[in-house]
């Protein structure tokens, strides 16, 4: 299982972050980036990762291999 980390996908309202381990999405409607960032980090810290099934894992592998191409 990949290391658990938060990836910020979108910084403008609504700010969006994704857990790179389980692909759970977090959103914040705050306008100020500092407030939105704090809310995303707090939501990420509070969540528990659930293991992916094989189809989700295959999708994650394909997404990571094609990132940046």
PDB file of N, CA and C in Angstrom:
ATOM      1  N   UNK A   1       0.853  -1.180   0.000  1.00  0.00           N
ATOM      2  CA  UNK A   1       0.000   0.000   0.000  1.00  0.00           C
ATOM      3  C   UNK A   1       0.891   1.232   0.000  1.00  0.00           C
ATOM      4  N   UNK A   2       0.580   2.238  -0.841  1.00  0.00           N
ATOM      5  CA  UNK A   2       1.416   3.435  -0.889  1.00  0.00           C
ATOM      6  C   UNK A   2       1.366   4.198   0.429  1.00  0.00           C
ATOM      7  N   UNK A   3       2.412   4.992   0.652  1.00  0.00           N
ATOM      8  CA  UNK A   3       2.461   5.811   1.850  1.00  0.00           C
ATOM      9  C   UNK A   3       1.313   6.811   1.838  1.00  0.00           C
ATOM     10  N   UNK A   4       0.702   7.001   2.964  1.00  0.00           N
ATOM     11  CA  UNK A   4      -0.431   7.900   3.103  1.00  0.00           C
ATOM     12  C   UNK A   4       0.029   9.349   3.034  1.00  0.00           C
ATOM     13  N   UNK A   5      -0.467  10.088   2.042  1.00  0.00           N
ATOM     14  CA  UNK A   5      -0.139  11.504   1.934  1.00  0.00           C
ATOM     15  C   UNK A   5      -1.283  12.250   1.255  1.00  0.00           C
ATOM     16  N   UNK A   6      -1.346  13.528   1.532  1.00  0.00           N
ATOM     17  CA  UNK A   6      -2.391  14.382   0.973  1.00  0.00           C
ATOM     18  C   UNK A   6      -1.845  15.111  -0.240  1.00  0.00           C
ATOM     19  N   UNK A   7      -2.542  15.006  -1.364  1.00  0.00           N
ATOM     20  CA  UNK A   7      -2.158  15.721  -2.586  1.00  0.00           C
ATOM     21  C   UNK A   7      -3.210  16.789  -2.827  1.00  0.00           C
ATOM     22  N   UNK A   8      -2.774  18.050  -2.947  1.00  0.00           N
ATOM     23  CA  UNK A   8      -3.685  19.151  -3.231  1.00  0.00           C
ATOM     24  C   UNK A   8      -3.914  19.177  -4.737  1.00  0.00           C
ATOM     25  N   UNK A   9      -5.174  19.061  -5.143  1.00  0.00           N
ATOM     26  CA  UNK A   9      -5.531  19.003  -6.553  1.00  0.00           C
ATOM     27  C   UNK A   9      -5.929  20.382  -7.063  1.00  0.00           C
ATOM     28  N   UNK A  10      -6.634  21.138  -6.236  1.00  0.00           N
ATOM     29  CA  UNK A  10      -7.135  22.452  -6.640  1.00  0.00           C
ATOM     30  C   UNK A  10      -7.043  23.400  -5.445  1.00  0.00           C
ATOM     31  N   UNK A  11      -6.426  24.568  -5.664  1.00  0.00           N
ATOM     32  CA  UNK A  11      -6.224  25.520  -4.563  1.00  0.00           C
ATOM     33  C   UNK A  11      -7.293  26.598  -4.495  1.00  0.00           C
ATOM     34  N   UNK A  12      -8.071  26.800  -5.567  1.00  0.00           N
ATOM     35  CA  UNK A  12      -9.117  27.820  -5.534  1.00  0.00           C
ATOM     36  C   UNK A  12     -10.410  27.199  -5.029  1.00  0.00           C
ATOM     37  N   UNK A  13     -11.313  28.045  -4.540  1.00  0.00           N
ATOM     38  CA  UNK A  13     -12.569  27.543  -3.971  1.00  0.00           C
ATOM     39  C   UNK A  13     -13.404  26.851  -5.047  1.00  0.00           C
ATOM     40  N   UNK A  14     -13.921  25.694  -4.814  1.00  0.00           N
ATOM     41  CA  UNK A  14     -13.672  24.857  -3.645  1.00  0.00           C
ATOM     42  C   UNK A  14     -12.320  24.160  -3.761  1.00  0.00           C
ATOM     43  N   UNK A  15     -11.491  24.271  -2.714  1.00  0.00           N
ATOM     44  CA  UNK A  15     -10.196  23.608  -2.686  1.00  0.00           C
ATOM     45  C   UNK A  15     -10.423  22.103  -2.558  1.00  0.00           C
ATOM     46  N   UNK A  16      -9.597  21.330  -3.248  1.00  0.00           N
ATOM     47  CA  UNK A  16      -9.758  19.876  -3.256  1.00  0.00           C
ATOM     48  C   UNK A  16      -8.425  19.212  -2.971  1.00  0.00           C
ATOM     49  N   UNK A  17      -8.450  18.227  -2.089  1.00  0.00           N
ATOM     50  CA  UNK A  17      -7.288  17.403  -1.787  1.00  0.00           C
ATOM     51  C   UNK A  17      -7.672  15.939  -1.903  1.00  0.00           C
ATOM     52  N   UNK A  18      -6.688  15.084  -2.163  1.00  0.00           N
ATOM     53  CA  UNK A  18      -6.938  13.658  -2.334  1.00  0.00           C
ATOM     54  C   UNK A  18      -5.918  12.870  -1.520  1.00  0.00           C
ATOM     55  N   UNK A  19      -6.365  11.846  -0.837  1.00  0.00           N
ATOM     56  CA  UNK A  19      -5.468  10.920  -0.153  1.00  0.00           C
ATOM     57  C   UNK A  19      -4.849  10.021  -1.222  1.00  0.00           C
ATOM     58  N   UNK A  20      -3.516  10.017  -1.330  1.00  0.00           N
ATOM     59  CA  UNK A  20      -2.854   9.229  -2.364  1.00  0.00           C
ATOM     60  C   UNK A  20      -2.889   7.736  -2.065  1.00  0.00           C
ATOM     61  N   UNK A  21      -3.233   7.361  -0.858  1.00  0.00           N
ATOM     62  CA  UNK A  21      -3.290   5.952  -0.497  1.00  0.00           C
ATOM     63  C   UNK A  21      -4.622   5.315  -0.893  1.00  0.00           C
ATOM     64  N   UNK A  22      -5.728   5.977  -0.560  1.00  0.00           N
ATOM     65  CA  UNK A  22      -7.046   5.364  -0.791  1.00  0.00           C
ATOM     66  C   UNK A  22      -7.939   6.177  -1.728  1.00  0.00           C
ATOM     67  N   UNK A  23      -7.433   7.301  -2.262  1.00  0.00           N
ATOM     68  CA  UNK A  23      -8.155   8.151  -3.212  1.00  0.00           C
ATOM     69  C   UNK A  23      -9.412   8.808  -2.660  1.00  0.00           C
ATOM     70  N   UNK A  24      -9.506   8.957  -1.359  1.00  0.00           N
ATOM     71  CA  UNK A  24     -10.627   9.688  -0.768  1.00  0.00           C
ATOM     72  C   UNK A  24     -10.418  11.170  -1.057  1.00  0.00           C
ATOM     73  N   UNK A  25     -11.486  11.862  -1.421  1.00  0.00           N
ATOM     74  CA  UNK A  25     -11.415  13.268  -1.792  1.00  0.00           C
ATOM     75  C   UNK A  25     -11.909  14.147  -0.648  1.00  0.00           C
ATOM     76  N   UNK A  26     -11.216  15.254  -0.429  1.00  0.00           N
ATOM     77  CA  UNK A  26     -11.584  16.218   0.610  1.00  0.00           C
ATOM     78  C   UNK A  26     -11.815  17.565  -0.060  1.00  0.00           C
ATOM     79  N   UNK A  27     -12.872  18.283   0.368  1.00  0.00           N
ATOM     80  CA  UNK A  27     -13.195  19.590  -0.209  1.00  0.00           C
ATOM     81  C   UNK A  27     -13.326  20.632   0.889  1.00  0.00           C
ATOM     82  N   UNK A  28     -12.988  21.867   0.526  1.00  0.00           N
ATOM     83  CA  UNK A  28     -13.158  22.996   1.434  1.00  0.00           C
ATOM     84  C   UNK A  28     -13.758  24.151   0.645  1.00  0.00           C
ATOM     85  N   UNK A  29     -14.780  24.759   1.186  1.00  0.00           N
ATOM     86  CA  UNK A  29     -15.436  25.901   0.536  1.00  0.00           C
ATOM     87  C   UNK A  29     -14.856  27.236   1.003  1.00  0.00           C
ATOM     88  N   UNK A  30     -13.843  27.206   1.865  1.00  0.00           N
ATOM     89  CA  UNK A  30     -13.242  28.447   2.376  1.00  0.00           C
ATOM     90  C   UNK A  30     -12.588  29.215   1.232  1.00  0.00           C
ATOM     91  N   UNK A  31     -12.694  30.529   1.249  1.00  0.00           N
ATOM     92  CA  UNK A  31     -12.117  31.389   0.201  1.00  0.00           C
ATOM     93  C   UNK A  31     -10.619  31.622   0.428  1.00  0.00           C
ATOM     94  N   UNK A  32     -10.220  31.867   1.676  1.00  0.00           N
ATOM     95  CA  UNK A  32      -8.805  32.116   1.980  1.00  0.00           C
ATOM     96  C   UNK A  32      -8.040  30.793   1.930  1.00  0.00           C
ATOM     97  N   UNK A  33      -6.913  30.786   1.195  1.00  0.00           N
ATOM     98  CA  UNK A  33      -6.169  29.536   1.009  1.00  0.00           C
ATOM     99  C   UNK A  33      -5.672  28.973   2.338  1.00  0.00           C
ATOM    100  N   UNK A  34      -5.214  29.816   3.271  1.00  0.00           N
ATOM    101  CA  UNK A  34      -4.729  29.312   4.558  1.00  0.00           C
ATOM    102  C   UNK A  34      -5.826  28.574   5.318  1.00  0.00           C
ATOM    103  N   UNK A  35      -7.045  29.106   5.289  1.00  0.00           N
ATOM    104  CA  UNK A  35      -8.173  28.451   5.958  1.00  0.00           C
ATOM    105  C   UNK A  35      -8.541  27.152   5.259  1.00  0.00           C
ATOM    106  N   UNK A  36      -8.570  27.174   3.925  1.00  0.00           N
ATOM    107  CA  UNK A  36      -8.914  25.978   3.152  1.00  0.00           C
ATOM    108  C   UNK A  36      -7.877  24.893   3.373  1.00  0.00           C
ATOM    109  N   UNK A  37      -6.596  25.267   3.349  1.00  0.00           N
ATOM    110  CA  UNK A  37      -5.523  24.302   3.550  1.00  0.00           C
ATOM    111  C   UNK A  37      -5.635  23.648   4.924  1.00  0.00           C
ATOM    112  N   UNK A  38      -5.887  24.450   5.939  1.00  0.00           N
ATOM    113  CA  UNK A  38      -6.027  23.921   7.296  1.00  0.00           C
ATOM    114  C   UNK A  38      -7.201  22.946   7.386  1.00  0.00           C
ATOM    115  N   UNK A  39      -8.303  23.282   6.721  1.00  0.00           N
ATOM    116  CA  UNK A  39      -9.475  22.405   6.741  1.00  0.00           C
ATOM    117  C   UNK A  39      -9.190  21.078   6.026  1.00  0.00           C
ATOM    118  N   UNK A  40      -8.488  21.133   4.885  1.00  0.00           N
ATOM    119  CA  UNK A  40      -8.144  19.911   4.154  1.00  0.00           C
ATOM    120  C   UNK A  40      -7.206  19.030   4.975  1.00  0.00           C
ATOM    121  N   UNK A  41      -6.201  19.636   5.584  1.00  0.00           N
ATOM    122  CA  UNK A  41      -5.243  18.877   6.395  1.00  0.00           C
ATOM    123  C   UNK A  41      -5.947  18.233   7.592  1.00  0.00           C
ATOM    124  N   UNK A  42      -6.856  18.958   8.212  1.00  0.00           N
ATOM    125  CA  UNK A  42      -7.592  18.419   9.364  1.00  0.00           C
ATOM    126  C   UNK A  42      -8.472  17.240   8.943  1.00  0.00           C
ATOM    127  N   UNK A  43      -9.164  17.366   7.829  1.00  0.00           N
ATOM    128  CA  UNK A  43     -10.018  16.276   7.337  1.00  0.00           C
ATOM    129  C   UNK A  43      -9.172  15.065   6.962  1.00  0.00           C
ATOM    130  N   UNK A  44      -8.026  15.300   6.338  1.00  0.00           N
ATOM    131  CA  UNK A  44      -7.126  14.210   5.956  1.00  0.00           C
ATOM    132  C   UNK A  44      -6.616  13.478   7.194  1.00  0.00           C
ATOM    133  N   UNK A  45      -6.209  14.227   8.201  1.00  0.00           N
ATOM    134  CA  UNK A  45      -5.682  13.622   9.429  1.00  0.00           C
ATOM    135  C   UNK A  45      -6.736  12.796  10.154  1.00  0.00           C
ATOM    136  N   UNK A  46      -7.994  13.190  10.049  1.00  0.00           N
ATOM    137  CA  UNK A  46      -9.070  12.508  10.767  1.00  0.00           C
ATOM    138  C   UNK A  46      -9.564  11.240  10.057  1.00  0.00           C
ATOM    139  N   UNK A  47      -9.298  11.094   8.759  1.00  0.00           N
ATOM    140  CA  UNK A  47      -9.861   9.951   8.038  1.00  0.00           C
ATOM    141  C   UNK A  47      -9.005   8.697   8.193  1.00  0.00           C
ATOM    142  N   UNK A  48      -9.626   7.559   8.027  1.00  0.00           N
ATOM    143  CA  UNK A  48      -8.966   6.258   8.078  1.00  0.00           C
ATOM    144  C   UNK A  48      -8.972   5.676   6.670  1.00  0.00           C
ATOM    145  N   UNK A  49      -7.807   5.298   6.184  1.00  0.00           N
ATOM    146  CA  UNK A  49      -7.714   4.712   4.843  1.00  0.00           C
ATOM    147  C   UNK A  49      -8.346   3.318   4.838  1.00  0.00           C
ATOM    148  N   UNK A  50      -9.068   3.043   3.763  1.00  0.00           N
ATOM    149  CA  UNK A  50      -9.632   1.720   3.563  1.00  0.00           C
ATOM    150  C   UNK A  50      -8.863   1.068   2.424  1.00  0.00           C
ATOM    151  N   UNK A  51      -8.546  -0.227   2.550  1.00  0.00           N
ATOM    152  CA  UNK A  51      -7.791  -0.880   1.486  1.00  0.00           C
ATOM    153  C   UNK A  51      -8.568  -0.886   0.174  1.00  0.00           C
ATOM    154  N   UNK A  52      -7.851  -0.724  -0.931  1.00  0.00           N
ATOM    155  CA  UNK A  52      -8.479  -0.744  -2.250  1.00  0.00           C
ATOM    156  C   UNK A  52      -8.684  -2.182  -2.703  1.00  0.00           C
ATOM    157  N   UNK A  53      -9.729  -2.401  -3.486  1.00  0.00           N
ATOM    158  CA  UNK A  53      -9.865  -3.710  -4.104  1.00  0.00           C
ATOM    159  C   UNK A  53      -8.961  -3.745  -5.339  1.00  0.00           C
ATOM    160  N   UNK A  54      -8.854  -4.885  -5.984  1.00  0.00           N
ATOM    161  CA  UNK A  54      -7.895  -5.042  -7.077  1.00  0.00           C
ATOM    162  C   UNK A  54      -8.176  -4.117  -8.260  1.00  0.00           C
ATOM    163  N   UNK A  55      -9.442  -3.831  -8.566  1.00  0.00           N
ATOM    164  CA  UNK A  55      -9.737  -2.952  -9.701  1.00  0.00           C
ATOM    165  C   UNK A  55      -9.311  -1.515  -9.396  1.00  0.00           C
ATOM    166  N   UNK A  56      -9.504  -1.075  -8.162  1.00  0.00           N
ATOM    167  CA  UNK A  56      -9.066   0.265  -7.778  1.00  0.00           C
ATOM    168  C   UNK A  56      -7.544   0.357  -7.809  1.00  0.00           C
ATOM    169  N   UNK A  57      -6.875  -0.709  -7.365  1.00  0.00           N
ATOM    170  CA  UNK A  57      -5.423  -0.714  -7.360  1.00  0.00           C
ATOM    171  C   UNK A  57      -4.884  -0.662  -8.785  1.00  0.00           C
ATOM    172  N   UNK A  58      -5.496  -1.401  -9.705  1.00  0.00           N
ATOM    173  CA  UNK A  58      -5.070  -1.376 -11.103  1.00  0.00           C
ATOM    174  C   UNK A  58      -5.242   0.021 -11.687  1.00  0.00           C
ATOM    175  N   UNK A  59      -6.338   0.676 -11.376  1.00  0.00           N
ATOM    176  CA  UNK A  59      -6.580   2.035 -11.853  1.00  0.00           C
ATOM    177  C   UNK A  59      -5.528   2.996 -11.302  1.00  0.00           C
ATOM    178  N   UNK A  60      -5.176   2.846 -10.038  1.00  0.00           N
ATOM    179  CA  UNK A  60      -4.153   3.694  -9.418  1.00  0.00           C
ATOM    180  C   UNK A  60      -2.809   3.495 -10.112  1.00  0.00           C
ATOM    181  N   UNK A  61      -2.447   2.264 -10.421  1.00  0.00           N
ATOM    182  CA  UNK A  61      -1.173   1.969 -11.082  1.00  0.00           C
ATOM    183  C   UNK A  61      -1.123   2.609 -12.462  1.00  0.00           C
ATOM    184  N   UNK A  62      -2.215   2.493 -13.220  1.00  0.00           N
ATOM    185  CA  UNK A  62      -2.271   3.101 -14.556  1.00  0.00           C
ATOM    186  C   UNK A  62      -2.177   4.616 -14.451  1.00  0.00           C
ATOM    187  N   UNK A  63      -2.915   5.210 -13.512  1.00  0.00           N
ATOM    188  CA  UNK A  63      -2.895   6.660 -13.344  1.00  0.00           C
ATOM    189  C   UNK A  63      -1.490   7.142 -13.000  1.00  0.00           C
ATOM    190  N   UNK A  64      -0.813   6.452 -12.083  1.00  0.00           N
ATOM    191  CA  UNK A  64       0.533   6.868 -11.688  1.00  0.00           C
ATOM    192  C   UNK A  64       1.535   6.699 -12.816  1.00  0.00           C
ATOM    193  N   UNK A  65       1.359   5.670 -13.639  1.00  0.00           N
ATOM    194  CA  UNK A  65       2.319   5.441 -14.719  1.00  0.00           C
ATOM    195  C   UNK A  65       2.134   6.438 -15.871  1.00  0.00           C
ATOM    196  N   UNK A  66       0.944   7.005 -16.014  1.00  0.00           N
ATOM    197  CA  UNK A  66       0.696   7.946 -17.104  1.00  0.00           C
ATOM    198  C   UNK A  66       0.749   9.398 -16.643  1.00  0.00           C
ATOM    199  N   UNK A  67       0.982   9.639 -15.364  1.00  0.00           N
ATOM    200  CA  UNK A  67       1.057  10.990 -14.830  1.00  0.00           C
ATOM    201  C   UNK A  67       2.217  11.745 -15.455  1.00  0.00           C
ATOM    202  N   UNK A  68       1.957  12.947 -15.895  1.00  0.00           N
ATOM    203  CA  UNK A  68       3.006  13.780 -16.453  1.00  0.00           C
ATOM    204  C   UNK A  68       3.367  13.494 -17.896  1.00  0.00           C
ATOM    205  N   UNK A  69       2.591  12.662 -18.549  1.00  0.00           N
ATOM    206  CA  UNK A  69       2.873  12.348 -19.964  1.00  0.00           C
ATOM    207  C   UNK A  69       1.972  13.104 -20.877  1.00  0.00           C
TER     208      UNK A  69
END
